[in-house]
Amino acid sequence: MYQKIIRPLLFLVDPEKVHHFSFRFLKIFINSPLLGEFIKSTFCVEDKKLERNLFGLTFKNPVGLAAGFDKNALLFNELGNLGFGFVEIGTVTPKPQPGNPKKRLFRLQKDQGIINRMGFNNDGLEVISERLKKNNHKILIGGNIGKNTATAPENYTEDYKICFEGLHPYVDYFSLNISCPNVGSHAKLSNKDYLFELITEIKKLNESKGVQKPILLKIGSDMNHQQLDDIIELIATTNIDGVIATNTSVSREGLKTSKKEIEAIGNGGLSGKPIKDKSTATIQYLSEKSNKAFPIIGVGGIHSAEDAMEKLRAGADLIQIYTGFVYEGPALIKKINKKILAEMN
């Protein structure tokens, strides 16, 4: 029904407008007593065999929602009723910011991909923290944090620390977003020495807390083997909890969408099917080269249950979807969980 009726109608409208409409729709329907129970029974797969224990947390299933969808923490409780095992909110920055000028979100329907240059548009730490206080604790929540666009390079770490401090009571784990191509000074955020400084400072802050939260690094999909070796060394040195692999790509190789259309869209991060293999290769390299030394959350181009299994076989412990969720609908979550259970039998 989603792919034949709902998606064609939604895809007639600007993607950012559809995003906001979908939030209102889901909020109303999932919170409706009868419809909410129907939706939950339709999409949720309840089975203890799906549970995964990582970072001291118990995930009810391995399928999560990647950051960027519920960036302002408006829908995390409702999304749990669609079958997700965890939801990552954000990217959250200390101050609210509007992001980049519109139009900034584009569908590549021939490729089943999306290009975005949102630019960390979000309501800011204070507002988002207040919303997270309404968490009913039925689903694990990750906090994806970053810097404000206007922040000077010497203050990047302070931005991350402010977000960590503010979100610490309300999220179950943290994702340090250092790989988004849509924010300024991307080069510094990928510098090995700077990342060591950033992680060390965040870990020091974490250790000052009565309850410590897992900290993961979200890396890009365009990293070469030398850069991935640096990430492996960085994790071994800092003893960070794990990696989320991968973020969007700036590459435009192998697309079915015409070059003219791509040039008209302009810059931004590419997600969805076009980066599936690149993301899986990154996961496999990190897993094999490190001898599975740290947990990996795999994300990038998961549009089917088999795509999810590829990520898990490559070395991912958990997976996240976003673009696949947009193209395939909530039934994708159920299909993946059913496939995982079938593979276990």
Foldseek 3Di string as FASTA:
>chain_A
DCQPPVQVVLVVDQPVVSLVVVLVVLVVQLPPVVSVVVQLVVAADQDCVQWDAAPNDIFRHQEEADEDSQQLLSCQVSVVSLHHSEYEHHQAWAAADQFDDPPAWDAPVQQLKIFGLRGRHYHHLVNSLVSLVPDPPPHAYEYEYFYHQPDDPVCRLVRRQSNCVSCVVRHQAYEDELAFPNGPPSVLSLDLVSVLVSLQVSVVVQVVDPDHHAYEYEEALPDDLVSLVSVLVSCVVSVHAYYEFYWFDQDPPPRPPDPVVVVVSPTGGMFAQVSLVSRLVSLLSNCVVNVNPHAYEGEGHDQALVSVVSSVVSGHSHYHYDSSCSNRNSNRSRRNRVVVVVVVD
